């Protein structure tokens, strides 16, 4: 479940975002996945070669 920066603060705990509270969040909040794939990002570092595992 994507969260907004506004939802993340010094008091946030992982237990605040569980499968149990998803239905309630979806009732009261906008579509959390809207625009998710509009922002392409890359992780820094070298790409792994096919068949190799990261060290």
PDB file of N, CA and C in Angstrom:
ATOM      1  N   UNK A   1       0.848  -1.171   0.000  1.00  0.00           N
ATOM      2  CA  UNK A   1       0.000   0.000   0.000  1.00  0.00           C
ATOM      3  C   UNK A   1       0.890   1.228   0.000  1.00  0.00           C
ATOM      4  N   UNK A   2       0.881   2.005  -1.062  1.00  0.00           N
ATOM      5  CA  UNK A   2       1.667   3.239  -1.055  1.00  0.00           C
ATOM      6  C   UNK A   2       1.169   4.189   0.038  1.00  0.00           C
ATOM      7  N   UNK A   3       2.089   4.909   0.621  1.00  0.00           N
ATOM      8  CA  UNK A   3       1.750   5.927   1.619  1.00  0.00           C
ATOM      9  C   UNK A   3       2.284   7.269   1.134  1.00  0.00           C
ATOM     10  N   UNK A   4       1.704   8.328   1.610  1.00  0.00           N
ATOM     11  CA  UNK A   4       2.162   9.666   1.235  1.00  0.00           C
ATOM     12  C   UNK A   4       3.216  10.133   2.226  1.00  0.00           C
ATOM     13  N   UNK A   5       4.006  11.129   1.822  1.00  0.00           N
ATOM     14  CA  UNK A   5       5.000  11.693   2.720  1.00  0.00           C
ATOM     15  C   UNK A   5       4.328  12.300   3.940  1.00  0.00           C
ATOM     16  N   UNK A   6       3.113  12.817   3.755  1.00  0.00           N
ATOM     17  CA  UNK A   6       2.399  13.420   4.883  1.00  0.00           C
ATOM     18  C   UNK A   6       2.052  12.387   5.960  1.00  0.00           C
ATOM     19  N   UNK A   7       1.897  11.123   5.547  1.00  0.00           N
ATOM     20  CA  UNK A   7       1.571  10.068   6.509  1.00  0.00           C
ATOM     21  C   UNK A   7       2.784   9.594   7.290  1.00  0.00           C
ATOM     22  N   UNK A   8       3.952   9.900   6.795  1.00  0.00           N
ATOM     23  CA  UNK A   8       5.171   9.430   7.442  1.00  0.00           C
ATOM     24  C   UNK A   8       5.731  10.558   8.302  1.00  0.00           C
ATOM     25  N   UNK A   9       5.842  10.275   9.576  1.00  0.00           N
ATOM     26  CA  UNK A   9       6.416  11.242  10.509  1.00  0.00           C
ATOM     27  C   UNK A   9       7.221  10.484  11.548  1.00  0.00           C
ATOM     28  N   UNK A  10       7.716  11.159  12.521  1.00  0.00           N
ATOM     29  CA  UNK A  10       8.571  10.514  13.525  1.00  0.00           C
ATOM     30  C   UNK A  10       7.806   9.506  14.378  1.00  0.00           C
ATOM     31  N   UNK A  11       6.494   9.621  14.408  1.00  0.00           N
ATOM     32  CA  UNK A  11       5.706   8.716  15.252  1.00  0.00           C
ATOM     33  C   UNK A  11       5.129   7.528  14.492  1.00  0.00           C
ATOM     34  N   UNK A  12       5.393   7.426  13.187  1.00  0.00           N
ATOM     35  CA  UNK A  12       4.835   6.342  12.396  1.00  0.00           C
ATOM     36  C   UNK A  12       5.493   5.016  12.787  1.00  0.00           C
ATOM     37  N   UNK A  13       4.685   3.976  12.792  1.00  0.00           N
ATOM     38  CA  UNK A  13       5.172   2.623  13.087  1.00  0.00           C
ATOM     39  C   UNK A  13       4.723   1.704  11.960  1.00  0.00           C
ATOM     40  N   UNK A  14       5.455   0.669  11.703  1.00  0.00           N
ATOM     41  CA  UNK A  14       5.084  -0.283  10.662  1.00  0.00           C
ATOM     42  C   UNK A  14       3.705  -0.869  10.942  1.00  0.00           C
ATOM     43  N   UNK A  15       3.351  -1.018  12.190  1.00  0.00           N
ATOM     44  CA  UNK A  15       2.041  -1.569  12.571  1.00  0.00           C
ATOM     45  C   UNK A  15       0.892  -0.644  12.178  1.00  0.00           C
ATOM     46  N   UNK A  16       1.189   0.599  11.816  1.00  0.00           N
ATOM     47  CA  UNK A  16       0.142   1.520  11.379  1.00  0.00           C
ATOM     48  C   UNK A  16      -0.384   1.175   9.989  1.00  0.00           C
ATOM     49  N   UNK A  17       0.338   0.370   9.243  1.00  0.00           N
ATOM     50  CA  UNK A  17      -0.031   0.024   7.874  1.00  0.00           C
ATOM     51  C   UNK A  17      -0.067  -1.499   7.745  1.00  0.00           C
ATOM     52  N   UNK A  18      -1.228  -2.084   7.948  1.00  0.00           N
ATOM     53  CA  UNK A  18      -1.366  -3.538   7.894  1.00  0.00           C
ATOM     54  C   UNK A  18      -2.488  -3.935   6.942  1.00  0.00           C
ATOM     55  N   UNK A  19      -2.553  -5.201   6.634  1.00  0.00           N
ATOM     56  CA  UNK A  19      -3.611  -5.728   5.778  1.00  0.00           C
ATOM     57  C   UNK A  19      -4.983  -5.536   6.443  1.00  0.00           C
ATOM     58  N   UNK A  20      -4.991  -5.455   7.752  1.00  0.00           N
ATOM     59  CA  UNK A  20      -6.257  -5.271   8.463  1.00  0.00           C
ATOM     60  C   UNK A  20      -6.844  -3.869   8.286  1.00  0.00           C
ATOM     61  N   UNK A  21      -5.991  -2.848   8.118  1.00  0.00           N
ATOM     62  CA  UNK A  21      -6.539  -1.507   7.987  1.00  0.00           C
ATOM     63  C   UNK A  21      -6.652  -1.032   6.538  1.00  0.00           C
ATOM     64  N   UNK A  22      -6.281  -1.873   5.572  1.00  0.00           N
ATOM     65  CA  UNK A  22      -6.396  -1.492   4.166  1.00  0.00           C
ATOM     66  C   UNK A  22      -7.838  -1.204   3.754  1.00  0.00           C
ATOM     67  N   UNK A  23      -8.807  -2.057   4.066  1.00  0.00           N
ATOM     68  CA  UNK A  23     -10.175  -1.757   3.621  1.00  0.00           C
ATOM     69  C   UNK A  23     -10.685  -0.402   4.124  1.00  0.00           C
ATOM     70  N   UNK A  24     -10.385  -0.052   5.351  1.00  0.00           N
ATOM     71  CA  UNK A  24     -10.822   1.237   5.878  1.00  0.00           C
ATOM     72  C   UNK A  24     -10.102   2.396   5.185  1.00  0.00           C
ATOM     73  N   UNK A  25      -8.820   2.215   4.922  1.00  0.00           N
ATOM     74  CA  UNK A  25      -8.065   3.258   4.220  1.00  0.00           C
ATOM     75  C   UNK A  25      -8.598   3.461   2.813  1.00  0.00           C
ATOM     76  N   UNK A  26      -8.959   2.375   2.141  1.00  0.00           N
ATOM     77  CA  UNK A  26      -9.475   2.487   0.782  1.00  0.00           C
ATOM     78  C   UNK A  26     -10.847   3.154   0.741  1.00  0.00           C
ATOM     79  N   UNK A  27     -11.613   3.032   1.799  1.00  0.00           N
ATOM     80  CA  UNK A  27     -12.922   3.691   1.865  1.00  0.00           C
ATOM     81  C   UNK A  27     -12.787   5.202   1.989  1.00  0.00           C
ATOM     82  N   UNK A  28     -11.793   5.638   2.732  1.00  0.00           N
ATOM     83  CA  UNK A  28     -11.700   7.052   3.077  1.00  0.00           C
ATOM     84  C   UNK A  28     -10.661   7.819   2.267  1.00  0.00           C
ATOM     85  N   UNK A  29      -9.802   7.143   1.554  1.00  0.00           N
ATOM     86  CA  UNK A  29      -8.712   7.805   0.847  1.00  0.00           C
ATOM     87  C   UNK A  29      -8.868   7.653  -0.657  1.00  0.00           C
ATOM     88  N   UNK A  30      -8.146   8.469  -1.387  1.00  0.00           N
ATOM     89  CA  UNK A  30      -8.128   8.376  -2.841  1.00  0.00           C
ATOM     90  C   UNK A  30      -7.439   7.082  -3.272  1.00  0.00           C
ATOM     91  N   UNK A  31      -7.440   6.814  -4.554  1.00  0.00           N
ATOM     92  CA  UNK A  31      -6.775   5.639  -5.106  1.00  0.00           C
ATOM     93  C   UNK A  31      -5.275   5.729  -4.844  1.00  0.00           C
ATOM     94  N   UNK A  32      -4.765   4.882  -3.978  1.00  0.00           N
ATOM     95  CA  UNK A  32      -3.352   4.930  -3.574  1.00  0.00           C
ATOM     96  C   UNK A  32      -2.404   4.604  -4.722  1.00  0.00           C
ATOM     97  N   UNK A  33      -2.867   3.880  -5.729  1.00  0.00           N
ATOM     98  CA  UNK A  33      -1.997   3.495  -6.829  1.00  0.00           C
ATOM     99  C   UNK A  33      -2.063   4.483  -7.997  1.00  0.00           C
ATOM    100  N   UNK A  34      -2.937   5.470  -7.925  1.00  0.00           N
ATOM    101  CA  UNK A  34      -3.073   6.449  -8.989  1.00  0.00           C
ATOM    102  C   UNK A  34      -1.752   7.194  -9.189  1.00  0.00           C
ATOM    103  N   UNK A  35      -1.223   7.151 -10.403  1.00  0.00           N
ATOM    104  CA  UNK A  35       0.018   7.841 -10.716  1.00  0.00           C
ATOM    105  C   UNK A  35       1.287   7.111 -10.309  1.00  0.00           C
ATOM    106  N   UNK A  36       1.153   5.962  -9.671  1.00  0.00           N
ATOM    107  CA  UNK A  36       2.317   5.229  -9.169  1.00  0.00           C
ATOM    108  C   UNK A  36       3.323   4.920 -10.279  1.00  0.00           C
ATOM    109  N   UNK A  37       2.811   4.482 -11.425  1.00  0.00           N
ATOM    110  CA  UNK A  37       3.705   4.078 -12.507  1.00  0.00           C
ATOM    111  C   UNK A  37       4.068   5.235 -13.435  1.00  0.00           C
ATOM    112  N   UNK A  38       3.635   6.449 -13.117  1.00  0.00           N
ATOM    113  CA  UNK A  38       3.967   7.621 -13.919  1.00  0.00           C
ATOM    114  C   UNK A  38       5.377   8.120 -13.661  1.00  0.00           C
ATOM    115  N   UNK A  39       5.984   7.722 -12.565  1.00  0.00           N
ATOM    116  CA  UNK A  39       7.301   8.206 -12.168  1.00  0.00           C
ATOM    117  C   UNK A  39       8.317   7.073 -12.254  1.00  0.00           C
ATOM    118  N   UNK A  40       9.076   7.057 -13.329  1.00  0.00           N
ATOM    119  CA  UNK A  40      10.091   6.011 -13.505  1.00  0.00           C
ATOM    120  C   UNK A  40      11.305   6.352 -12.655  1.00  0.00           C
ATOM    121  N   UNK A  41      11.869   5.355 -12.009  1.00  0.00           N
ATOM    122  CA  UNK A  41      13.042   5.555 -11.173  1.00  0.00           C
ATOM    123  C   UNK A  41      14.021   4.418 -11.409  1.00  0.00           C
ATOM    124  N   UNK A  42      15.266   4.691 -11.144  1.00  0.00           N
ATOM    125  CA  UNK A  42      16.314   3.663 -11.235  1.00  0.00           C
ATOM    126  C   UNK A  42      17.092   3.649  -9.936  1.00  0.00           C
ATOM    127  N   UNK A  43      17.501   2.469  -9.539  1.00  0.00           N
ATOM    128  CA  UNK A  43      18.365   2.334  -8.381  1.00  0.00           C
ATOM    129  C   UNK A  43      19.804   2.520  -8.830  1.00  0.00           C
ATOM    130  N   UNK A  44      20.619   3.180  -8.014  1.00  0.00           N
ATOM    131  CA  UNK A  44      22.016   3.355  -8.410  1.00  0.00           C
ATOM    132  C   UNK A  44      22.760   2.025  -8.382  1.00  0.00           C
ATOM    133  N   UNK A  45      23.820   1.951  -9.148  1.00  0.00           N
ATOM    134  CA  UNK A  45      24.636   0.743  -9.144  1.00  0.00           C
ATOM    135  C   UNK A  45      24.678   0.092 -10.511  1.00  0.00           C
ATOM    136  N   UNK A  46      25.481  -0.941 -10.590  1.00  0.00           N
ATOM    137  CA  UNK A  46      25.629  -1.662 -11.849  1.00  0.00           C
ATOM    138  C   UNK A  46      24.509  -2.667 -12.008  1.00  0.00           C
ATOM    139  N   UNK A  47      24.030  -2.882 -13.221  1.00  0.00           N
ATOM    140  CA  UNK A  47      23.031  -3.937 -13.424  1.00  0.00           C
ATOM    141  C   UNK A  47      23.672  -5.308 -13.234  1.00  0.00           C
ATOM    142  N   UNK A  48      22.898  -6.250 -12.740  1.00  0.00           N
ATOM    143  CA  UNK A  48      23.407  -7.610 -12.563  1.00  0.00           C
ATOM    144  C   UNK A  48      23.444  -8.310 -13.917  1.00  0.00           C
ATOM    145  N   UNK A  49      24.460  -9.125 -14.115  1.00  0.00           N
ATOM    146  CA  UNK A  49      24.526  -9.915 -15.333  1.00  0.00           C
ATOM    147  C   UNK A  49      23.580 -11.093 -15.197  1.00  0.00           C
ATOM    148  N   UNK A  50      23.039 -11.513 -16.312  1.00  0.00           N
ATOM    149  CA  UNK A  50      22.101 -12.624 -16.319  1.00  0.00           C
ATOM    150  C   UNK A  50      22.746 -13.863 -15.706  1.00  0.00           C
ATOM    151  N   UNK A  51      22.027 -14.470 -14.765  1.00  0.00           N
ATOM    152  CA  UNK A  51      22.530 -15.678 -14.127  1.00  0.00           C
ATOM    153  C   UNK A  51      23.397 -15.426 -12.908  1.00  0.00           C
ATOM    154  N   UNK A  52      23.714 -14.183 -12.609  1.00  0.00           N
ATOM    155  CA  UNK A  52      24.559 -13.839 -11.438  1.00  0.00           C
ATOM    156  C   UNK A  52      23.675 -13.342 -10.312  1.00  0.00           C
ATOM    157  N   UNK A  53      24.105 -13.574  -9.081  1.00  0.00           N
ATOM    158  CA  UNK A  53      23.415 -13.059  -7.917  1.00  0.00           C
ATOM    159  C   UNK A  53      24.194 -11.881  -7.364  1.00  0.00           C
ATOM    160  N   UNK A  54      23.470 -10.986  -6.715  1.00  0.00           N
ATOM    161  CA  UNK A  54      24.131  -9.827  -6.091  1.00  0.00           C
ATOM    162  C   UNK A  54      25.018 -10.284  -4.942  1.00  0.00           C
ATOM    163  N   UNK A  55      26.143  -9.649  -4.786  1.00  0.00           N
ATOM    164  CA  UNK A  55      27.076 -10.010  -3.708  1.00  0.00           C
ATOM    165  C   UNK A  55      26.706  -9.327  -2.428  1.00  0.00           C
TER     166      UNK A  55
END
